[in-house]
Amino acid sequence: MFGQPAPQRAGSSDPGLDIREYTPKSSLVVPAHPKTRAKYPFIDAHNHQRFPMPADRSKQLLAGMDSLILQIMVNLSGGHGERLKAAVDFARATAPPG
């Protein structure tokens, strides 16, 4: 069980290594090539954004999307009925051309 010491092996006074104590050192040595943006435009198919969104927050979000080459964001916090219609109307009204 969790939180209990590891059981001793039969015939041994060594309790063994608890998984929480296991911290192996990596021996892999390769050059690092960190990526800060996508090579091709991509779609974020699962996101949650609150609407209506203040204009400065909307501009900040779009600038962040542009910097990552995030072309389309699917917002799953739309709701239904009048709330969804208001969110769609707001997104259309504040979206940049294209």
PDB file of N, CA and C in Angstrom:
ATOM      1  N   MET A   1       0.835  -1.204   0.000  1.00  0.00           N
ATOM      2  CA  MET A   1       0.000   0.000   0.000  1.00  0.00           C
ATOM      3  C   MET A   1       0.863   1.244   0.000  1.00  0.00           C
ATOM      4  N   PHE A   2       0.290   2.354  -0.427  1.00  0.00           N
ATOM      5  CA  PHE A   2       0.999   3.621  -0.453  1.00  0.00           C
ATOM      6  C   PHE A   2       1.234   4.117   0.963  1.00  0.00           C
ATOM      7  N   GLY A   3       2.370   4.767   1.183  1.00  0.00           N
ATOM      8  CA  GLY A   3       2.664   5.348   2.479  1.00  0.00           C
ATOM      9  C   GLY A   3       3.233   4.370   3.486  1.00  0.00           C
ATOM     10  N   GLN A   4       3.389   3.110   3.070  1.00  0.00           N
ATOM     11  CA  GLN A   4       3.944   2.105   3.966  1.00  0.00           C
ATOM     12  C   GLN A   4       5.327   1.720   3.465  1.00  0.00           C
ATOM     13  N   PRO A   5       6.239   1.335   4.366  1.00  0.00           N
ATOM     14  CA  PRO A   5       7.569   0.947   3.923  1.00  0.00           C
ATOM     15  C   PRO A   5       7.512  -0.297   3.033  1.00  0.00           C
ATOM     16  N   ALA A   6       8.503  -0.422   2.163  1.00  0.00           N
ATOM     17  CA  ALA A   6       8.571  -1.586   1.282  1.00  0.00           C
ATOM     18  C   ALA A   6       8.793  -2.839   2.115  1.00  0.00           C
ATOM     19  N   PRO A   7       8.152  -3.954   1.763  1.00  0.00           N
ATOM     20  CA  PRO A   7       8.333  -5.188   2.532  1.00  0.00           C
ATOM     21  C   PRO A   7       9.740  -5.750   2.308  1.00  0.00           C
ATOM     22  N   GLN A   8      10.278  -6.435   3.322  1.00  0.00           N
ATOM     23  CA  GLN A   8      11.590  -7.069   3.203  1.00  0.00           C
ATOM     24  C   GLN A   8      11.475  -8.323   2.367  1.00  0.00           C
ATOM     25  N   ARG A   9      12.534  -8.593   1.614  1.00  0.00           N
ATOM     26  CA  ARG A   9      12.562  -9.834   0.844  1.00  0.00           C
ATOM     27  C   ARG A   9      12.807 -11.006   1.787  1.00  0.00           C
ATOM     28  N   ALA A  10      12.236 -12.123   1.479  1.00  0.00           N
ATOM     29  CA  ALA A  10      12.381 -13.303   2.332  1.00  0.00           C
ATOM     30  C   ALA A  10      13.856 -13.665   2.510  1.00  0.00           C
ATOM     31  N   GLY A  11      14.288 -13.864   3.754  1.00  0.00           N
ATOM     32  CA  GLY A  11      15.658 -14.255   4.056  1.00  0.00           C
ATOM     33  C   GLY A  11      16.661 -13.121   3.939  1.00  0.00           C
ATOM     34  N   SER A  12      16.209 -11.878   3.874  1.00  0.00           N
ATOM     35  CA  SER A  12      17.122 -10.746   3.714  1.00  0.00           C
ATOM     36  C   SER A  12      16.795  -9.674   4.738  1.00  0.00           C
ATOM     37  N   SER A  13      17.835  -8.991   5.203  1.00  0.00           N
ATOM     38  CA  SER A  13      17.596  -7.867   6.108  1.00  0.00           C
ATOM     39  C   SER A  13      17.505  -6.562   5.317  1.00  0.00           C
ATOM     40  N   ASP A  14      17.744  -6.630   4.001  1.00  0.00           N
ATOM     41  CA  ASP A  14      17.662  -5.453   3.121  1.00  0.00           C
ATOM     42  C   ASP A  14      16.202  -5.224   2.747  1.00  0.00           C
ATOM     43  N   PRO A  15      15.634  -4.051   3.108  1.00  0.00           N
ATOM     44  CA  PRO A  15      14.226  -3.813   2.789  1.00  0.00           C
ATOM     45  C   PRO A  15      13.990  -3.520   1.310  1.00  0.00           C
ATOM     46  N   GLY A  16      15.030  -3.374   0.511  1.00  0.00           N
ATOM     47  CA  GLY A  16      14.845  -3.057  -0.903  1.00  0.00           C
ATOM     48  C   GLY A  16      14.699  -1.560  -1.098  1.00  0.00           C
ATOM     49  N   LEU A  17      14.537  -1.169  -2.315  1.00  0.00           N
ATOM     50  CA  LEU A  17      14.435   0.242  -2.668  1.00  0.00           C
ATOM     51  C   LEU A  17      12.975   0.616  -2.879  1.00  0.00           C
ATOM     52  N   ASP A  18      12.516   1.603  -2.156  1.00  0.00           N
ATOM     53  CA  ASP A  18      11.150   2.104  -2.321  1.00  0.00           C
ATOM     54  C   ASP A  18      11.090   2.925  -3.606  1.00  0.00           C
ATOM     55  N   ILE A  19      10.036   2.808  -4.369  1.00  0.00           N
ATOM     56  CA  ILE A  19       9.900   3.510  -5.655  1.00  0.00           C
ATOM     57  C   ILE A  19      10.035   5.024  -5.492  1.00  0.00           C
ATOM     58  N   ARG A  20       9.644   5.546  -4.337  1.00  0.00           N
ATOM     59  CA  ARG A  20       9.754   6.990  -4.102  1.00  0.00           C
ATOM     60  C   ARG A  20      11.204   7.429  -3.933  1.00  0.00           C
ATOM     61  N   GLU A  21      12.090   6.492  -3.659  1.00  0.00           N
ATOM     62  CA  GLU A  21      13.510   6.787  -3.487  1.00  0.00           C
ATOM     63  C   GLU A  21      14.299   6.574  -4.772  1.00  0.00           C
ATOM     64  N   TYR A  22      13.670   6.030  -5.786  1.00  0.00           N
ATOM     65  CA  TYR A  22      14.347   5.710  -7.044  1.00  0.00           C
ATOM     66  C   TYR A  22      14.478   6.968  -7.892  1.00  0.00           C
ATOM     67  N   THR A  23      15.695   7.462  -8.034  1.00  0.00           N
ATOM     68  CA  THR A  23      15.947   8.671  -8.834  1.00  0.00           C
ATOM     69  C   THR A  23      17.138   8.414  -9.744  1.00  0.00           C
ATOM     70  N   PRO A  24      16.912   7.715 -10.851  1.00  0.00           N
ATOM     71  CA  PRO A  24      18.028   7.395 -11.747  1.00  0.00           C
ATOM     72  C   PRO A  24      18.564   8.642 -12.441  1.00  0.00           C
ATOM     73  N   LYS A  25      19.838   8.626 -12.753  1.00  0.00           N
ATOM     74  CA  LYS A  25      20.476   9.697 -13.499  1.00  0.00           C
ATOM     75  C   LYS A  25      20.465   9.310 -14.972  1.00  0.00           C
ATOM     76  N   SER A  26      20.058  10.240 -15.838  1.00  0.00           N
ATOM     77  CA  SER A  26      20.030   9.968 -17.267  1.00  0.00           C
ATOM     78  C   SER A  26      21.447   9.923 -17.812  1.00  0.00           C
ATOM     79  N   SER A  27      21.717   8.963 -18.662  1.00  0.00           N
ATOM     80  CA  SER A  27      23.028   8.864 -19.298  1.00  0.00           C
ATOM     81  C   SER A  27      22.955   9.306 -20.762  1.00  0.00           C
ATOM     82  N   LEU A  28      21.797   9.736 -21.183  1.00  0.00           N
ATOM     83  CA  LEU A  28      21.605  10.189 -22.558  1.00  0.00           C
ATOM     84  C   LEU A  28      22.205  11.577 -22.727  1.00  0.00           C
ATOM     85  N   VAL A  29      23.101  11.713 -23.682  1.00  0.00           N
ATOM     86  CA  VAL A  29      23.737  13.003 -23.959  1.00  0.00           C
ATOM     87  C   VAL A  29      23.535  13.312 -25.435  1.00  0.00           C
ATOM     88  N   VAL A  30      22.678  14.270 -25.722  1.00  0.00           N
ATOM     89  CA  VAL A  30      22.397  14.677 -27.099  1.00  0.00           C
ATOM     90  C   VAL A  30      22.293  16.194 -27.146  1.00  0.00           C
ATOM     91  N   PRO A  31      22.534  16.789 -28.308  1.00  0.00           N
ATOM     92  CA  PRO A  31      22.385  18.245 -28.406  1.00  0.00           C
ATOM     93  C   PRO A  31      20.914  18.638 -28.272  1.00  0.00           C
ATOM     94  N   ALA A  32      20.673  19.764 -27.626  1.00  0.00           N
ATOM     95  CA  ALA A  32      19.304  20.253 -27.432  1.00  0.00           C
ATOM     96  C   ALA A  32      18.926  21.175 -28.582  1.00  0.00           C
ATOM     97  N   HIS A  33      17.701  21.036 -29.046  1.00  0.00           N
ATOM     98  CA  HIS A  33      17.166  21.892 -30.098  1.00  0.00           C
ATOM     99  C   HIS A  33      15.749  22.311 -29.707  1.00  0.00           C
ATOM    100  N   PRO A  34      15.630  23.191 -28.691  1.00  0.00           N
ATOM    101  CA  PRO A  34      14.286  23.562 -28.230  1.00  0.00           C
ATOM    102  C   PRO A  34      13.501  24.303 -29.321  1.00  0.00           C
ATOM    103  N   LYS A  35      12.238  23.985 -29.425  1.00  0.00           N
ATOM    104  CA  LYS A  35      11.345  24.622 -30.399  1.00  0.00           C
ATOM    105  C   LYS A  35      10.474  25.627 -29.666  1.00  0.00           C
ATOM    106  N   THR A  36      10.372  26.829 -30.205  1.00  0.00           N
ATOM    107  CA  THR A  36       9.554  27.859 -29.570  1.00  0.00           C
ATOM    108  C   THR A  36       8.270  28.125 -30.342  1.00  0.00           C
ATOM    109  N   ARG A  37       8.160  27.546 -31.523  1.00  0.00           N
ATOM    110  CA  ARG A  37       6.937  27.694 -32.309  1.00  0.00           C
ATOM    111  C   ARG A  37       6.812  26.515 -33.264  1.00  0.00           C
ATOM    112  N   ALA A  38       5.607  26.286 -33.714  1.00  0.00           N
ATOM    113  CA  ALA A  38       5.342  25.165 -34.606  1.00  0.00           C
ATOM    114  C   ALA A  38       5.962  25.415 -35.984  1.00  0.00           C
ATOM    115  N   LYS A  39       6.301  24.356 -36.669  1.00  0.00           N
ATOM    116  CA  LYS A  39       6.833  24.478 -38.024  1.00  0.00           C
ATOM    117  C   LYS A  39       5.704  24.795 -39.004  1.00  0.00           C
ATOM    118  N   TYR A  40       4.520  24.244 -38.751  1.00  0.00           N
ATOM    119  CA  TYR A  40       3.359  24.443 -39.608  1.00  0.00           C
ATOM    120  C   TYR A  40       2.194  24.955 -38.763  1.00  0.00           C
ATOM    121  N   PRO A  41       1.261  25.688 -39.373  1.00  0.00           N
ATOM    122  CA  PRO A  41       0.067  26.128 -38.627  1.00  0.00           C
ATOM    123  C   PRO A  41      -0.674  24.913 -38.064  1.00  0.00           C
ATOM    124  N   PHE A  42      -1.219  25.064 -36.856  1.00  0.00           N
ATOM    125  CA  PHE A  42      -1.920  23.939 -36.240  1.00  0.00           C
ATOM    126  C   PHE A  42      -3.222  24.404 -35.597  1.00  0.00           C
ATOM    127  N   ILE A  43      -4.030  23.437 -35.198  1.00  0.00           N
ATOM    128  CA  ILE A  43      -5.338  23.679 -34.580  1.00  0.00           C
ATOM    129  C   ILE A  43      -5.301  23.171 -33.151  1.00  0.00           C
ATOM    130  N   ASP A  44      -5.711  24.016 -32.205  1.00  0.00           N
ATOM    131  CA  ASP A  44      -5.897  23.596 -30.817  1.00  0.00           C
ATOM    132  C   ASP A  44      -7.348  23.128 -30.726  1.00  0.00           C
ATOM    133  N   ALA A  45      -7.550  21.826 -30.673  1.00  0.00           N
ATOM    134  CA  ALA A  45      -8.896  21.263 -30.747  1.00  0.00           C
ATOM    135  C   ALA A  45      -9.612  21.181 -29.408  1.00  0.00           C
ATOM    136  N   HIS A  46      -8.966  21.596 -28.324  1.00  0.00           N
ATOM    137  CA  HIS A  46      -9.622  21.540 -27.012  1.00  0.00           C
ATOM    138  C   HIS A  46      -9.090  22.689 -26.161  1.00  0.00           C
ATOM    139  N   ASN A  47      -9.901  23.725 -26.026  1.00  0.00           N
ATOM    140  CA  ASN A  47      -9.505  24.886 -25.249  1.00  0.00           C
ATOM    141  C   ASN A  47     -10.721  25.434 -24.532  1.00  0.00           C
ATOM    142  N   HIS A  48     -10.499  26.206 -23.482  1.00  0.00           N
ATOM    143  CA  HIS A  48     -11.590  26.839 -22.748  1.00  0.00           C
ATOM    144  C   HIS A  48     -11.257  28.310 -22.561  1.00  0.00           C
ATOM    145  N   GLN A  49     -12.039  29.181 -23.175  1.00  0.00           N
ATOM    146  CA  GLN A  49     -11.880  30.627 -23.051  1.00  0.00           C
ATOM    147  C   GLN A  49     -13.219  31.199 -22.605  1.00  0.00           C
ATOM    148  N   ARG A  50     -13.165  32.186 -21.762  1.00  0.00           N
ATOM    149  CA  ARG A  50     -14.399  32.837 -21.297  1.00  0.00           C
ATOM    150  C   ARG A  50     -14.748  33.999 -22.209  1.00  0.00           C
ATOM    151  N   PHE A  51     -15.998  34.102 -22.556  1.00  0.00           N
ATOM    152  CA  PHE A  51     -16.496  35.217 -23.359  1.00  0.00           C
ATOM    153  C   PHE A  51     -17.667  35.832 -22.627  1.00  0.00           C
ATOM    154  N   PRO A  52     -17.913  37.111 -22.736  1.00  0.00           N
ATOM    155  CA  PRO A  52     -17.105  38.040 -23.523  1.00  0.00           C
ATOM    156  C   PRO A  52     -15.753  38.272 -22.867  1.00  0.00           C
ATOM    157  N   MET A  53     -14.782  38.571 -23.711  1.00  0.00           N
ATOM    158  CA  MET A  53     -13.409  38.776 -23.265  1.00  0.00           C
ATOM    159  C   MET A  53     -13.052  40.246 -23.466  1.00  0.00           C
ATOM    160  N   PRO A  54     -12.398  40.875 -22.488  1.00  0.00           N
ATOM    161  CA  PRO A  54     -11.985  42.265 -22.675  1.00  0.00           C
ATOM    162  C   PRO A  54     -11.105  42.408 -23.919  1.00  0.00           C
ATOM    163  N   ALA A  55     -11.178  43.537 -24.581  1.00  0.00           N
ATOM    164  CA  ALA A  55     -10.464  43.754 -25.841  1.00  0.00           C
ATOM    165  C   ALA A  55      -8.960  43.551 -25.675  1.00  0.00           C
ATOM    166  N   ASP A  56      -8.376  44.017 -24.575  1.00  0.00           N
ATOM    167  CA  ASP A  56      -6.929  43.863 -24.398  1.00  0.00           C
ATOM    168  C   ASP A  56      -6.549  42.394 -24.223  1.00  0.00           C
ATOM    169  N   ARG A  57      -7.392  41.625 -23.545  1.00  0.00           N
ATOM    170  CA  ARG A  57      -7.153  40.185 -23.372  1.00  0.00           C
ATOM    171  C   ARG A  57      -7.287  39.468 -24.713  1.00  0.00           C
ATOM    172  N   SER A  58      -8.264  39.879 -25.518  1.00  0.00           N
ATOM    173  CA  SER A  58      -8.464  39.283 -26.834  1.00  0.00           C
ATOM    174  C   SER A  58      -7.243  39.533 -27.724  1.00  0.00           C
ATOM    175  N   LYS A  59      -6.726  40.759 -27.710  1.00  0.00           N
ATOM    176  CA  LYS A  59      -5.532  41.079 -28.504  1.00  0.00           C
ATOM    177  C   LYS A  59      -4.332  40.267 -28.023  1.00  0.00           C
ATOM    178  N   GLN A  60      -4.209  40.115 -26.705  1.00  0.00           N
ATOM    179  CA  GLN A  60      -3.110  39.340 -26.129  1.00  0.00           C
ATOM    180  C   GLN A  60      -3.218  37.871 -26.551  1.00  0.00           C
ATOM    181  N   LEU A  61      -4.430  37.328 -26.525  1.00  0.00           N
ATOM    182  CA  LEU A  61      -4.650  35.943 -26.928  1.00  0.00           C
ATOM    183  C   LEU A  61      -4.287  35.749 -28.399  1.00  0.00           C
ATOM    184  N   LEU A  62      -4.748  36.653 -29.255  1.00  0.00           N
ATOM    185  CA  LEU A  62      -4.458  36.537 -30.682  1.00  0.00           C
ATOM    186  C   LEU A  62      -2.963  36.687 -30.967  1.00  0.00           C
ATOM    187  N   ALA A  63      -2.289  37.582 -30.253  1.00  0.00           N
ATOM    188  CA  ALA A  63      -0.843  37.744 -30.432  1.00  0.00           C
ATOM    189  C   ALA A  63      -0.115  36.462 -30.023  1.00  0.00           C
ATOM    190  N   GLY A  64      -0.557  35.849 -28.949  1.00  0.00           N
ATOM    191  CA  GLY A  64       0.037  34.583 -28.516  1.00  0.00           C
ATOM    192  C   GLY A  64      -0.192  33.476 -29.529  1.00  0.00           C
ATOM    193  N   MET A  65      -1.402  33.435 -30.086  1.00  0.00           N
ATOM    194  CA  MET A  65      -1.705  32.441 -31.121  1.00  0.00           C
ATOM    195  C   MET A  65      -0.801  32.652 -32.334  1.00  0.00           C
ATOM    196  N   ASP A  66      -0.641  33.905 -32.751  1.00  0.00           N
ATOM    197  CA  ASP A  66       0.208  34.210 -33.907  1.00  0.00           C
ATOM    198  C   ASP A  66       1.654  33.806 -33.652  1.00  0.00           C
ATOM    199  N   SER A  67       2.156  34.049 -32.444  1.00  0.00           N
ATOM    200  CA  SER A  67       3.553  33.738 -32.145  1.00  0.00           C
ATOM    201  C   SER A  67       3.819  32.235 -32.185  1.00  0.00           C
ATOM    202  N   LEU A  68       2.800  31.424 -31.927  1.00  0.00           N
ATOM    203  CA  LEU A  68       2.942  29.964 -31.941  1.00  0.00           C
ATOM    204  C   LEU A  68       2.565  29.338 -33.283  1.00  0.00           C
ATOM    205  N   ILE A  69       1.989  30.133 -34.176  1.00  0.00           N
ATOM    206  CA  ILE A  69       1.388  29.686 -35.435  1.00  0.00           C
ATOM    207  C   ILE A  69       0.163  28.816 -35.151  1.00  0.00           C
ATOM    208  N   LEU A  70      -0.553  29.159 -34.108  1.00  0.00           N
ATOM    209  CA  LEU A  70      -1.812  28.503 -33.766  1.00  0.00           C
ATOM    210  C   LEU A  70      -2.894  29.162 -34.616  1.00  0.00           C
ATOM    211  N   GLN A  71      -3.356  28.453 -35.636  1.00  0.00           N
ATOM    212  CA  GLN A  71      -4.254  29.047 -36.620  1.00  0.00           C
ATOM    213  C   GLN A  71      -5.707  29.054 -36.164  1.00  0.00           C
ATOM    214  N   ILE A  72      -6.153  27.978 -35.525  1.00  0.00           N
ATOM    215  CA  ILE A  72      -7.550  27.863 -35.101  1.00  0.00           C
ATOM    216  C   ILE A  72      -7.589  27.331 -33.676  1.00  0.00           C
ATOM    217  N   MET A  73      -8.441  27.945 -32.849  1.00  0.00           N
ATOM    218  CA  MET A  73      -8.633  27.481 -31.481  1.00  0.00           C
ATOM    219  C   MET A  73     -10.109  27.109 -31.320  1.00  0.00           C
ATOM    220  N   VAL A  74     -10.366  25.875 -30.929  1.00  0.00           N
ATOM    221  CA  VAL A  74     -11.732  25.422 -30.706  1.00  0.00           C
ATOM    222  C   VAL A  74     -12.063  25.660 -29.240  1.00  0.00           C
ATOM    223  N   ASN A  75     -12.997  26.583 -28.992  1.00  0.00           N
ATOM    224  CA  ASN A  75     -13.398  26.928 -27.628  1.00  0.00           C
ATOM    225  C   ASN A  75     -14.558  26.033 -27.205  1.00  0.00           C
ATOM    226  N   LEU A  76     -14.340  25.231 -26.177  1.00  0.00           N
ATOM    227  CA  LEU A  76     -15.368  24.302 -25.716  1.00  0.00           C
ATOM    228  C   LEU A  76     -16.175  24.842 -24.543  1.00  0.00           C
ATOM    229  N   SER A  77     -16.028  26.135 -24.255  1.00  0.00           N
ATOM    230  CA  SER A  77     -16.776  26.751 -23.162  1.00  0.00           C
ATOM    231  C   SER A  77     -17.936  27.582 -23.689  1.00  0.00           C
ATOM    232  N   GLY A  78     -18.452  27.235 -24.828  1.00  0.00           N
ATOM    233  CA  GLY A  78     -19.464  28.050 -25.494  1.00  0.00           C
ATOM    234  C   GLY A  78     -20.824  28.066 -24.826  1.00  0.00           C
ATOM    235  N   GLY A  79     -21.210  26.999 -24.190  1.00  0.00           N
ATOM    236  CA  GLY A  79     -22.540  26.954 -23.593  1.00  0.00           C
ATOM    237  C   GLY A  79     -23.593  26.599 -24.636  1.00  0.00           C
ATOM    238  N   HIS A  80     -24.775  27.203 -24.486  1.00  0.00           N
ATOM    239  CA  HIS A  80     -25.857  26.932 -25.434  1.00  0.00           C
ATOM    240  C   HIS A  80     -26.830  28.096 -25.421  1.00  0.00           C
ATOM    241  N   GLY A  81     -27.724  28.094 -26.361  1.00  0.00           N
ATOM    242  CA  GLY A  81     -28.768  29.121 -26.423  1.00  0.00           C
ATOM    243  C   GLY A  81     -28.210  30.521 -26.620  1.00  0.00           C
ATOM    244  N   GLU A  82     -28.775  31.482 -25.888  1.00  0.00           N
ATOM    245  CA  GLU A  82     -28.397  32.886 -26.027  1.00  0.00           C
ATOM    246  C   GLU A  82     -26.947  33.143 -25.623  1.00  0.00           C
ATOM    247  N   ARG A  83     -26.462  32.406 -24.641  1.00  0.00           N
ATOM    248  CA  ARG A  83     -25.063  32.583 -24.218  1.00  0.00           C
ATOM    249  C   ARG A  83     -24.113  32.206 -25.357  1.00  0.00           C
ATOM    250  N   LEU A  84     -24.391  31.099 -26.035  1.00  0.00           N
ATOM    251  CA  LEU A  84     -23.562  30.676 -27.163  1.00  0.00           C
ATOM    252  C   LEU A  84     -23.651  31.685 -28.301  1.00  0.00           C
ATOM    253  N   LYS A  85     -24.859  32.158 -28.601  1.00  0.00           N
ATOM    254  CA  LYS A  85     -25.037  33.141 -29.670  1.00  0.00           C
ATOM    255  C   LYS A  85     -24.263  34.415 -29.361  1.00  0.00           C
ATOM    256  N   ALA A  86     -24.311  34.877 -28.120  1.00  0.00           N
ATOM    257  CA  ALA A  86     -23.584  36.085 -27.722  1.00  0.00           C
ATOM    258  C   ALA A  86     -22.077  35.880 -27.856  1.00  0.00           C
ATOM    259  N   ALA A  87     -21.574  34.704 -27.484  1.00  0.00           N
ATOM    260  CA  ALA A  87     -20.150  34.420 -27.594  1.00  0.00           C
ATOM    261  C   ALA A  87     -19.698  34.395 -29.050  1.00  0.00           C
ATOM    262  N   VAL A  88     -20.500  33.784 -29.915  1.00  0.00           N
ATOM    263  CA  VAL A  88     -20.168  33.732 -31.347  1.00  0.00           C
ATOM    264  C   VAL A  88     -20.208  35.129 -31.949  1.00  0.00           C
ATOM    265  N   ASP A  89     -21.232  35.900 -31.623  1.00  0.00           N
ATOM    266  CA  ASP A  89     -21.330  37.277 -32.120  1.00  0.00           C
ATOM    267  C   ASP A  89     -20.123  38.100 -31.667  1.00  0.00           C
ATOM    268  N   PHE A  90     -19.733  37.938 -30.413  1.00  0.00           N
ATOM    269  CA  PHE A  90     -18.580  38.671 -29.885  1.00  0.00           C
ATOM    270  C   PHE A  90     -17.290  38.269 -30.620  1.00  0.00           C
ATOM    271  N   ALA A  91     -17.106  36.974 -30.816  1.00  0.00           N
ATOM    272  CA  ALA A  91     -15.895  36.488 -31.492  1.00  0.00           C
ATOM    273  C   ALA A  91     -15.836  37.022 -32.913  1.00  0.00           C
ATOM    274  N   ARG A  92     -16.954  37.024 -33.612  1.00  0.00           N
ATOM    275  CA  ARG A  92     -16.991  37.535 -34.982  1.00  0.00           C
ATOM    276  C   ARG A  92     -16.707  39.040 -35.025  1.00  0.00           C
ATOM    277  N   ALA A  93     -17.250  39.769 -34.062  1.00  0.00           N
ATOM    278  CA  ALA A  93     -17.100  41.221 -34.042  1.00  0.00           C
ATOM    279  C   ALA A  93     -15.677  41.651 -33.694  1.00  0.00           C
ATOM    280  N   THR A  94     -14.963  40.841 -32.914  1.00  0.00           N
ATOM    281  CA  THR A  94     -13.628  41.239 -32.467  1.00  0.00           C
ATOM    282  C   THR A  94     -12.505  40.538 -33.226  1.00  0.00           C
ATOM    283  N   ALA A  95     -12.844  39.600 -34.096  1.00  0.00           N
ATOM    284  CA  ALA A  95     -11.809  38.873 -34.842  1.00  0.00           C
ATOM    285  C   ALA A  95     -11.154  39.787 -35.868  1.00  0.00           C
ATOM    286  N   PRO A  96      -9.858  39.651 -36.028  1.00  0.00           N
ATOM    287  CA  PRO A  96      -9.179  40.444 -37.058  1.00  0.00           C
ATOM    288  C   PRO A  96      -9.558  39.913 -38.443  1.00  0.00           C
ATOM    289  N   PRO A  97      -9.385  40.713 -39.467  1.00  0.00           N
ATOM    290  CA  PRO A  97      -9.707  40.247 -40.820  1.00  0.00           C
ATOM    291  C   PRO A  97      -8.891  38.997 -41.180  1.00  0.00           C
ATOM    292  N   GLY A  98      -9.558  38.060 -41.836  1.00  0.00           N
ATOM    293  CA  GLY A  98      -8.866  36.854 -42.284  1.00  0.00           C
ATOM    294  C   GLY A  98      -8.695  35.834 -41.199  1.00  0.00           C
TER     295      GLY A  98
END
